[in-house]
Amino acid sequence: MDKKIISTNKKAYHDYTISEKYIAGIVLTGTEIKSVRKNAINLKDSFCRIEDNEIFLYNCHISPYEQGNRYNHKADRTRKLLLTKKEILKMHSKIKKDGYTIIPLEVFITNGFAKVEIGLAKGKKLHDKREDIAKKDQKREMDRASKHY
């Protein structure tokens, strides 16, 4: 399986603790898929919501295609994600019961189709973020020290 990563949501790993990951297809128009292939997509403030047993992606910015003329898409429109009903119901129960949110983690292209990896996430508190930053700094220092020897 050939997987070309287009965009990652680095802020998601900083702000949330991801417990489960799913891969979903995205319903895109012709000009949108062309823009995605040119890496013109931003997941920074995007999120997913379940409505009527369907899952939708909000605030995902896909820039208009340069040669798109009047057939171009709206940059911030709501996009439907393709998952099995069983997966959607499982996520829906976790959201209702445990207070999870659904965050897109990365967009990639496999076999010509755009896919999005979404994760069930819980928000981190400020002290959790500080701990993660401290661990990252310690690891960086250890790597630097081991390089010198």
N, C-alpha and C. Protein backbone atom coordinates (compact mmCIF):
# COMPACT_ATOMS: atom_id res chain seq x y z
N MET A 1 0.85 -1.19 0.00
CA MET A 1 0.00 0.00 0.00
C MET A 1 0.88 1.24 0.00
N ASP A 2 0.80 2.01 -1.05
CA ASP A 2 1.60 3.23 -1.19
C ASP A 2 0.85 4.38 -0.53
N LYS A 3 1.50 5.02 0.45
CA LYS A 3 0.84 6.07 1.23
C LYS A 3 1.68 7.34 1.15
N LYS A 4 1.09 8.40 0.59
CA LYS A 4 1.78 9.69 0.48
C LYS A 4 1.09 10.67 1.44
N ILE A 5 1.80 11.06 2.50
CA ILE A 5 1.22 11.96 3.49
C ILE A 5 1.19 13.38 2.92
N ILE A 6 0.02 14.00 2.97
CA ILE A 6 -0.17 15.34 2.42
C ILE A 6 -0.06 16.38 3.52
N SER A 7 -0.76 16.17 4.64
CA SER A 7 -0.80 17.17 5.70
C SER A 7 -0.96 16.47 7.05
N THR A 8 -0.28 16.99 8.07
CA THR A 8 -0.45 16.47 9.41
C THR A 8 -0.91 17.58 10.34
N ASN A 9 -1.63 17.20 11.38
CA ASN A 9 -2.14 18.15 12.36
C ASN A 9 -1.27 18.05 13.61
N LYS A 10 -0.17 18.80 13.63
CA LYS A 10 0.76 18.74 14.75
C LYS A 10 0.14 19.29 16.03
N LYS A 11 -0.76 20.23 15.88
CA LYS A 11 -1.41 20.84 17.04
C LYS A 11 -2.27 19.82 17.79
N ALA A 12 -2.80 18.83 17.07
CA ALA A 12 -3.65 17.82 17.69
C ALA A 12 -2.88 17.01 18.73
N TYR A 13 -1.66 16.63 18.42
CA TYR A 13 -0.87 15.84 19.36
C TYR A 13 -0.43 16.67 20.56
N HIS A 14 -0.34 17.98 20.37
CA HIS A 14 0.05 18.87 21.46
C HIS A 14 -1.12 19.15 22.40
N ASP A 15 -2.31 19.32 21.84
CA ASP A 15 -3.48 19.73 22.63
C ASP A 15 -4.33 18.57 23.13
N TYR A 16 -4.17 17.37 22.55
CA TYR A 16 -5.05 16.26 22.88
C TYR A 16 -4.26 14.99 23.15
N THR A 17 -4.86 14.09 23.92
CA THR A 17 -4.36 12.74 24.11
C THR A 17 -5.20 11.84 23.22
N ILE A 18 -4.57 11.21 22.23
CA ILE A 18 -5.29 10.39 21.26
C ILE A 18 -5.35 8.95 21.78
N SER A 19 -6.57 8.38 21.84
CA SER A 19 -6.72 7.02 22.35
C SER A 19 -6.93 6.00 21.23
N GLU A 20 -7.72 6.32 20.23
CA GLU A 20 -7.97 5.41 19.11
C GLU A 20 -7.86 6.16 17.80
N LYS A 21 -7.43 5.45 16.75
CA LYS A 21 -7.31 6.06 15.43
C LYS A 21 -8.13 5.26 14.42
N TYR A 22 -8.72 5.99 13.47
CA TYR A 22 -9.49 5.39 12.39
C TYR A 22 -9.07 6.03 11.08
N ILE A 23 -9.23 5.30 9.98
CA ILE A 23 -8.95 5.85 8.66
C ILE A 23 -10.27 5.95 7.92
N ALA A 24 -10.56 7.15 7.41
CA ALA A 24 -11.82 7.41 6.72
C ALA A 24 -11.54 8.02 5.34
N GLY A 25 -12.41 7.73 4.40
CA GLY A 25 -12.35 8.39 3.10
C GLY A 25 -13.00 9.75 3.20
N ILE A 26 -12.65 10.64 2.28
CA ILE A 26 -13.24 11.99 2.26
C ILE A 26 -14.00 12.16 0.95
N VAL A 27 -15.20 12.71 1.02
CA VAL A 27 -15.97 13.01 -0.19
C VAL A 27 -15.51 14.38 -0.68
N LEU A 28 -14.84 14.40 -1.83
CA LEU A 28 -14.29 15.64 -2.38
C LEU A 28 -14.81 15.87 -3.79
N THR A 29 -14.81 17.14 -4.22
CA THR A 29 -15.14 17.47 -5.61
C THR A 29 -13.86 17.39 -6.44
N GLY A 30 -13.99 17.58 -7.74
CA GLY A 30 -12.84 17.46 -8.64
C GLY A 30 -11.74 18.45 -8.36
N THR A 31 -12.11 19.72 -8.12
CA THR A 31 -11.08 20.72 -7.87
C THR A 31 -10.45 20.55 -6.49
N GLU A 32 -11.21 19.99 -5.55
CA GLU A 32 -10.67 19.77 -4.20
C GLU A 32 -9.57 18.72 -4.21
N ILE A 33 -9.77 17.60 -4.92
CA ILE A 33 -8.77 16.55 -4.94
C ILE A 33 -7.51 17.04 -5.64
N LYS A 34 -7.67 17.90 -6.64
CA LYS A 34 -6.49 18.45 -7.32
C LYS A 34 -5.71 19.36 -6.39
N SER A 35 -6.41 20.14 -5.56
CA SER A 35 -5.73 20.99 -4.58
C SER A 35 -5.06 20.15 -3.50
N VAL A 36 -5.70 19.07 -3.07
CA VAL A 36 -5.11 18.19 -2.05
C VAL A 36 -3.83 17.58 -2.59
N ARG A 37 -3.82 17.16 -3.85
CA ARG A 37 -2.61 16.58 -4.44
C ARG A 37 -1.48 17.59 -4.52
N LYS A 38 -1.81 18.89 -4.52
CA LYS A 38 -0.79 19.94 -4.53
C LYS A 38 -0.44 20.41 -3.11
N ASN A 39 -0.84 19.65 -2.10
CA ASN A 39 -0.57 19.95 -0.68
C ASN A 39 -1.19 21.26 -0.22
N ALA A 40 -2.31 21.65 -0.78
CA ALA A 40 -2.97 22.91 -0.42
C ALA A 40 -4.10 22.65 0.57
N ILE A 41 -3.78 21.97 1.68
CA ILE A 41 -4.79 21.64 2.69
C ILE A 41 -4.23 21.95 4.07
N ASN A 42 -5.11 22.45 4.95
CA ASN A 42 -4.70 22.81 6.30
C ASN A 42 -5.70 22.22 7.30
N LEU A 43 -5.20 21.44 8.25
CA LEU A 43 -6.05 20.79 9.26
C LEU A 43 -6.01 21.49 10.61
N LYS A 44 -5.39 22.64 10.70
CA LYS A 44 -5.04 23.23 11.99
C LYS A 44 -6.20 23.30 12.99
N ASP A 45 -7.31 23.90 12.66
CA ASP A 45 -8.41 24.06 13.60
C ASP A 45 -9.61 23.19 13.25
N SER A 46 -9.37 22.12 12.51
CA SER A 46 -10.50 21.29 12.06
C SER A 46 -10.90 20.27 13.11
N PHE A 47 -12.14 19.84 13.00
CA PHE A 47 -12.70 18.85 13.92
C PHE A 47 -13.78 18.08 13.19
N CYS A 48 -14.22 16.97 13.78
CA CYS A 48 -15.28 16.15 13.18
C CYS A 48 -16.48 16.10 14.12
N ARG A 49 -17.65 15.93 13.52
CA ARG A 49 -18.88 15.84 14.30
C ARG A 49 -19.78 14.78 13.67
N ILE A 50 -20.46 14.03 14.51
CA ILE A 50 -21.38 12.99 14.03
C ILE A 50 -22.79 13.57 14.04
N GLU A 51 -23.46 13.48 12.87
CA GLU A 51 -24.83 13.97 12.72
C GLU A 51 -25.62 12.94 11.92
N ASP A 52 -26.72 12.47 12.46
CA ASP A 52 -27.60 11.49 11.79
C ASP A 52 -26.83 10.25 11.33
N ASN A 53 -26.00 9.70 12.20
CA ASN A 53 -25.19 8.51 11.91
C ASN A 53 -24.25 8.69 10.72
N GLU A 54 -23.88 9.93 10.44
CA GLU A 54 -22.86 10.25 9.44
C GLU A 54 -21.84 11.15 10.11
N ILE A 55 -20.61 11.11 9.62
CA ILE A 55 -19.56 11.91 10.23
C ILE A 55 -19.09 12.96 9.23
N PHE A 56 -18.90 14.20 9.71
CA PHE A 56 -18.53 15.32 8.86
C PHE A 56 -17.28 16.00 9.39
N LEU A 57 -16.50 16.54 8.47
CA LEU A 57 -15.26 17.26 8.78
C LEU A 57 -15.51 18.76 8.64
N TYR A 58 -15.25 19.51 9.70
CA TYR A 58 -15.47 20.95 9.73
C TYR A 58 -14.15 21.70 9.78
N ASN A 59 -14.15 22.94 9.27
CA ASN A 59 -13.02 23.87 9.33
C ASN A 59 -11.74 23.35 8.69
N CYS A 60 -11.84 22.41 7.78
CA CYS A 60 -10.68 21.93 7.04
C CYS A 60 -10.53 22.82 5.81
N HIS A 61 -9.43 23.55 5.75
CA HIS A 61 -9.25 24.51 4.66
C HIS A 61 -8.51 23.86 3.49
N ILE A 62 -9.19 23.76 2.35
CA ILE A 62 -8.56 23.30 1.11
C ILE A 62 -8.59 24.50 0.15
N SER A 63 -7.42 24.98 -0.20
CA SER A 63 -7.32 26.18 -1.05
C SER A 63 -7.94 25.93 -2.41
N PRO A 64 -8.55 26.97 -3.01
CA PRO A 64 -9.12 26.81 -4.35
C PRO A 64 -8.05 26.43 -5.37
N TYR A 65 -8.43 25.62 -6.34
CA TYR A 65 -7.52 25.17 -7.39
C TYR A 65 -7.28 26.30 -8.37
N GLU A 66 -6.02 26.51 -8.76
CA GLU A 66 -5.68 27.67 -9.60
C GLU A 66 -6.38 27.65 -10.96
N GLN A 67 -6.46 26.47 -11.58
CA GLN A 67 -7.10 26.38 -12.90
C GLN A 67 -8.57 25.99 -12.79
N GLY A 68 -9.18 26.21 -11.64
CA GLY A 68 -10.53 25.74 -11.39
C GLY A 68 -11.65 26.58 -11.98
N ASN A 69 -11.40 27.78 -12.37
CA ASN A 69 -12.37 28.78 -12.85
C ASN A 69 -13.69 28.74 -12.10
N ARG A 70 -14.83 28.74 -12.76
CA ARG A 70 -16.12 28.86 -12.06
C ARG A 70 -16.54 27.58 -11.33
N TYR A 71 -15.86 26.46 -11.60
CA TYR A 71 -16.20 25.19 -10.96
C TYR A 71 -15.47 25.00 -9.64
N ASN A 72 -14.76 26.02 -9.19
CA ASN A 72 -14.00 25.89 -7.95
C ASN A 72 -14.91 25.71 -6.75
N HIS A 73 -14.35 25.16 -5.70
CA HIS A 73 -15.08 24.84 -4.48
C HIS A 73 -14.91 25.95 -3.44
N LYS A 74 -15.75 25.93 -2.43
CA LYS A 74 -15.57 26.83 -1.28
C LYS A 74 -14.45 26.24 -0.42
N ALA A 75 -13.58 27.08 0.08
CA ALA A 75 -12.38 26.60 0.78
C ALA A 75 -12.70 25.91 2.11
N ASP A 76 -13.69 26.40 2.85
CA ASP A 76 -13.96 25.88 4.19
C ASP A 76 -15.29 25.13 4.30
N ARG A 77 -15.72 24.52 3.23
CA ARG A 77 -17.02 23.84 3.28
C ARG A 77 -16.94 22.58 4.14
N THR A 78 -18.08 22.11 4.61
CA THR A 78 -18.16 20.89 5.41
C THR A 78 -18.06 19.69 4.48
N ARG A 79 -17.21 18.72 4.85
CA ARG A 79 -16.99 17.55 4.00
C ARG A 79 -17.40 16.28 4.73
N LYS A 80 -18.04 15.38 4.01
CA LYS A 80 -18.49 14.12 4.59
C LYS A 80 -17.33 13.13 4.61
N LEU A 81 -17.24 12.36 5.69
CA LEU A 81 -16.23 11.31 5.80
C LEU A 81 -16.90 9.95 5.65
N LEU A 82 -16.17 9.00 5.11
CA LEU A 82 -16.71 7.69 4.84
C LEU A 82 -16.14 6.67 5.82
N LEU A 83 -17.00 6.19 6.71
CA LEU A 83 -16.66 5.15 7.68
C LEU A 83 -17.80 4.15 7.72
N THR A 84 -17.54 2.97 8.26
CA THR A 84 -18.63 2.00 8.41
C THR A 84 -19.55 2.45 9.53
N LYS A 85 -20.79 2.03 9.45
CA LYS A 85 -21.78 2.41 10.46
C LYS A 85 -21.37 1.91 11.84
N LYS A 86 -20.75 0.73 11.89
CA LYS A 86 -20.30 0.15 13.15
C LYS A 86 -19.25 1.05 13.81
N GLU A 87 -18.29 1.56 13.01
CA GLU A 87 -17.26 2.45 13.55
C GLU A 87 -17.87 3.76 14.04
N ILE A 88 -18.81 4.30 13.28
CA ILE A 88 -19.44 5.56 13.67
C ILE A 88 -20.21 5.40 14.97
N LEU A 89 -20.96 4.31 15.10
CA LEU A 89 -21.73 4.08 16.33
C LEU A 89 -20.81 3.87 17.53
N LYS A 90 -19.69 3.20 17.33
CA LYS A 90 -18.72 2.99 18.40
C LYS A 90 -18.14 4.33 18.87
N MET A 91 -17.79 5.18 17.90
CA MET A 91 -17.26 6.51 18.25
C MET A 91 -18.33 7.35 18.94
N HIS A 92 -19.55 7.28 18.43
CA HIS A 92 -20.64 8.08 18.99
C HIS A 92 -20.89 7.73 20.46
N SER A 93 -20.84 6.43 20.77
CA SER A 93 -21.06 6.03 22.17
C SER A 93 -19.93 6.52 23.07
N LYS A 94 -18.68 6.49 22.57
CA LYS A 94 -17.56 6.99 23.38
C LYS A 94 -17.65 8.49 23.60
N ILE A 95 -18.11 9.20 22.58
CA ILE A 95 -18.25 10.66 22.70
C ILE A 95 -19.30 10.99 23.76
N LYS A 96 -20.43 10.31 23.69
CA LYS A 96 -21.52 10.58 24.64
C LYS A 96 -21.14 10.17 26.06
N LYS A 97 -20.51 9.00 26.20
CA LYS A 97 -20.25 8.44 27.53
C LYS A 97 -19.00 9.04 28.19
N ASP A 98 -17.90 9.13 27.44
CA ASP A 98 -16.61 9.49 28.03
C ASP A 98 -16.14 10.90 27.71
N GLY A 99 -16.87 11.64 26.90
CA GLY A 99 -16.49 13.02 26.61
C GLY A 99 -15.33 13.18 25.66
N TYR A 100 -15.20 12.27 24.69
CA TYR A 100 -14.15 12.38 23.68
C TYR A 100 -14.55 13.36 22.59
N THR A 101 -13.58 13.80 21.81
CA THR A 101 -13.84 14.57 20.60
C THR A 101 -13.14 13.85 19.46
N ILE A 102 -13.54 14.16 18.23
CA ILE A 102 -12.93 13.54 17.05
C ILE A 102 -12.10 14.60 16.34
N ILE A 103 -10.81 14.32 16.21
CA ILE A 103 -9.86 15.27 15.63
C ILE A 103 -9.18 14.62 14.43
N PRO A 104 -9.10 15.32 13.27
CA PRO A 104 -8.32 14.78 12.15
C PRO A 104 -6.83 14.91 12.44
N LEU A 105 -6.09 13.83 12.22
CA LEU A 105 -4.66 13.81 12.53
C LEU A 105 -3.79 14.02 11.29
N GLU A 106 -4.14 13.36 10.19
CA GLU A 106 -3.37 13.57 8.95
C GLU A 106 -4.22 13.22 7.74
N VAL A 107 -3.85 13.82 6.62
CA VAL A 107 -4.48 13.53 5.34
C VAL A 107 -3.41 12.89 4.46
N PHE A 108 -3.78 11.81 3.79
CA PHE A 108 -2.83 11.15 2.90
C PHE A 108 -3.56 10.61 1.69
N ILE A 109 -2.80 10.27 0.66
CA ILE A 109 -3.36 9.70 -0.56
C ILE A 109 -2.83 8.29 -0.69
N THR A 110 -3.74 7.35 -0.87
CA THR A 110 -3.37 5.96 -1.09
C THR A 110 -4.20 5.41 -2.25
N ASN A 111 -3.53 4.81 -3.21
CA ASN A 111 -4.18 4.25 -4.41
C ASN A 111 -5.04 5.29 -5.13
N GLY A 112 -4.64 6.55 -5.10
CA GLY A 112 -5.37 7.61 -5.80
C GLY A 112 -6.52 8.21 -5.02
N PHE A 113 -6.81 7.70 -3.82
CA PHE A 113 -7.91 8.21 -3.01
C PHE A 113 -7.38 8.99 -1.83
N ALA A 114 -8.04 10.11 -1.52
CA ALA A 114 -7.67 10.90 -0.34
C ALA A 114 -8.32 10.28 0.89
N LYS A 115 -7.53 10.07 1.91
CA LYS A 115 -8.02 9.51 3.17
C LYS A 115 -7.60 10.43 4.30
N VAL A 116 -8.33 10.38 5.39
CA VAL A 116 -7.99 11.16 6.57
C VAL A 116 -7.92 10.20 7.76
N GLU A 117 -6.87 10.36 8.56
CA GLU A 117 -6.76 9.58 9.79
C GLU A 117 -7.35 10.44 10.90
N ILE A 118 -8.39 9.93 11.55
CA ILE A 118 -9.03 10.67 12.63
C ILE A 118 -8.79 9.94 13.93
N GLY A 119 -8.78 10.68 15.01
CA GLY A 119 -8.51 10.07 16.31
C GLY A 119 -9.53 10.50 17.34
N LEU A 120 -9.89 9.56 18.21
CA LEU A 120 -10.71 9.88 19.38
C LEU A 120 -9.77 10.51 20.40
N ALA A 121 -10.06 11.72 20.81
CA ALA A 121 -9.11 12.45 21.63
C ALA A 121 -9.78 13.08 22.83
N LYS A 122 -8.99 13.25 23.88
CA LYS A 122 -9.41 14.00 25.06
C LYS A 122 -8.45 15.17 25.21
N GLY A 123 -8.98 16.33 25.58
CA GLY A 123 -8.15 17.52 25.72
C GLY A 123 -7.17 17.40 26.87
N LYS A 124 -5.95 17.91 26.64
CA LYS A 124 -4.94 17.91 27.70
C LYS A 124 -5.10 19.16 28.55
N LYS A 125 -4.80 19.03 29.81
CA LYS A 125 -4.75 20.18 30.70
C LYS A 125 -3.40 20.86 30.52
N LEU A 126 -3.27 22.07 31.04
CA LEU A 126 -2.04 22.85 30.86
C LEU A 126 -0.84 22.14 31.46
N HIS A 127 -1.01 21.52 32.64
CA HIS A 127 0.14 20.84 33.27
C HIS A 127 0.57 19.62 32.46
N ASP A 128 -0.37 18.95 31.77
CA ASP A 128 -0.01 17.82 30.90
C ASP A 128 0.85 18.30 29.74
N LYS A 129 0.49 19.45 29.17
CA LYS A 129 1.26 20.00 28.06
C LYS A 129 2.67 20.34 28.52
N ARG A 130 2.78 20.92 29.73
CA ARG A 130 4.10 21.27 30.26
C ARG A 130 4.95 20.04 30.46
N GLU A 131 4.33 18.94 30.96
CA GLU A 131 5.07 17.69 31.14
C GLU A 131 5.59 17.16 29.81
N ASP A 132 4.76 17.21 28.78
CA ASP A 132 5.18 16.73 27.46
C ASP A 132 6.34 17.56 26.92
N ILE A 133 6.27 18.87 27.10
CA ILE A 133 7.35 19.74 26.63
C ILE A 133 8.63 19.44 27.39
N ALA A 134 8.53 19.23 28.71
CA ALA A 134 9.71 18.91 29.52
C ALA A 134 10.32 17.58 29.07
N LYS A 135 9.49 16.57 28.81
CA LYS A 135 10.00 15.28 28.34
C LYS A 135 10.70 15.42 27.00
N LYS A 136 10.11 16.22 26.11
CA LYS A 136 10.71 16.43 24.80
C LYS A 136 12.07 17.11 24.92
N ASP A 137 12.16 18.11 25.82
CA ASP A 137 13.43 18.80 26.05
C ASP A 137 14.48 17.85 26.62
N GLN A 138 14.08 17.00 27.58
CA GLN A 138 15.02 16.03 28.16
C GLN A 138 15.53 15.06 27.10
N LYS A 139 14.64 14.60 26.24
CA LYS A 139 15.05 13.67 25.18
C LYS A 139 16.03 14.35 24.23
N ARG A 140 15.77 15.61 23.90
CA ARG A 140 16.65 16.36 23.01
C ARG A 140 18.04 16.52 23.63
N GLU A 141 18.07 16.82 24.93
CA GLU A 141 19.35 16.95 25.65
C GLU A 141 20.11 15.63 25.67
N MET A 142 19.38 14.53 25.89
CA MET A 142 20.02 13.19 25.91
C MET A 142 20.62 12.88 24.54
N ASP A 143 19.88 13.20 23.48
CA ASP A 143 20.38 12.95 22.12
C ASP A 143 21.62 13.78 21.83
N ARG A 144 21.61 15.04 22.26
CA ARG A 144 22.78 15.90 22.06
C ARG A 144 24.00 15.36 22.82
N ALA A 145 23.76 14.95 24.06
CA ALA A 145 24.86 14.42 24.88
C ALA A 145 25.42 13.14 24.30
N SER A 146 24.57 12.28 23.77
CA SER A 146 25.06 11.02 23.20
C SER A 146 25.78 11.23 21.89
N LYS A 147 25.50 12.31 21.19
CA LYS A 147 26.21 12.61 19.93
C LYS A 147 27.67 12.96 20.19
N HIS A 148 27.93 13.63 21.29
CA HIS A 148 29.30 14.09 21.58
C HIS A 148 30.21 12.93 21.98
N TYR A 149 29.66 11.83 22.40
CA TYR A 149 30.49 10.70 22.85
C TYR A 149 30.54 9.58 21.87
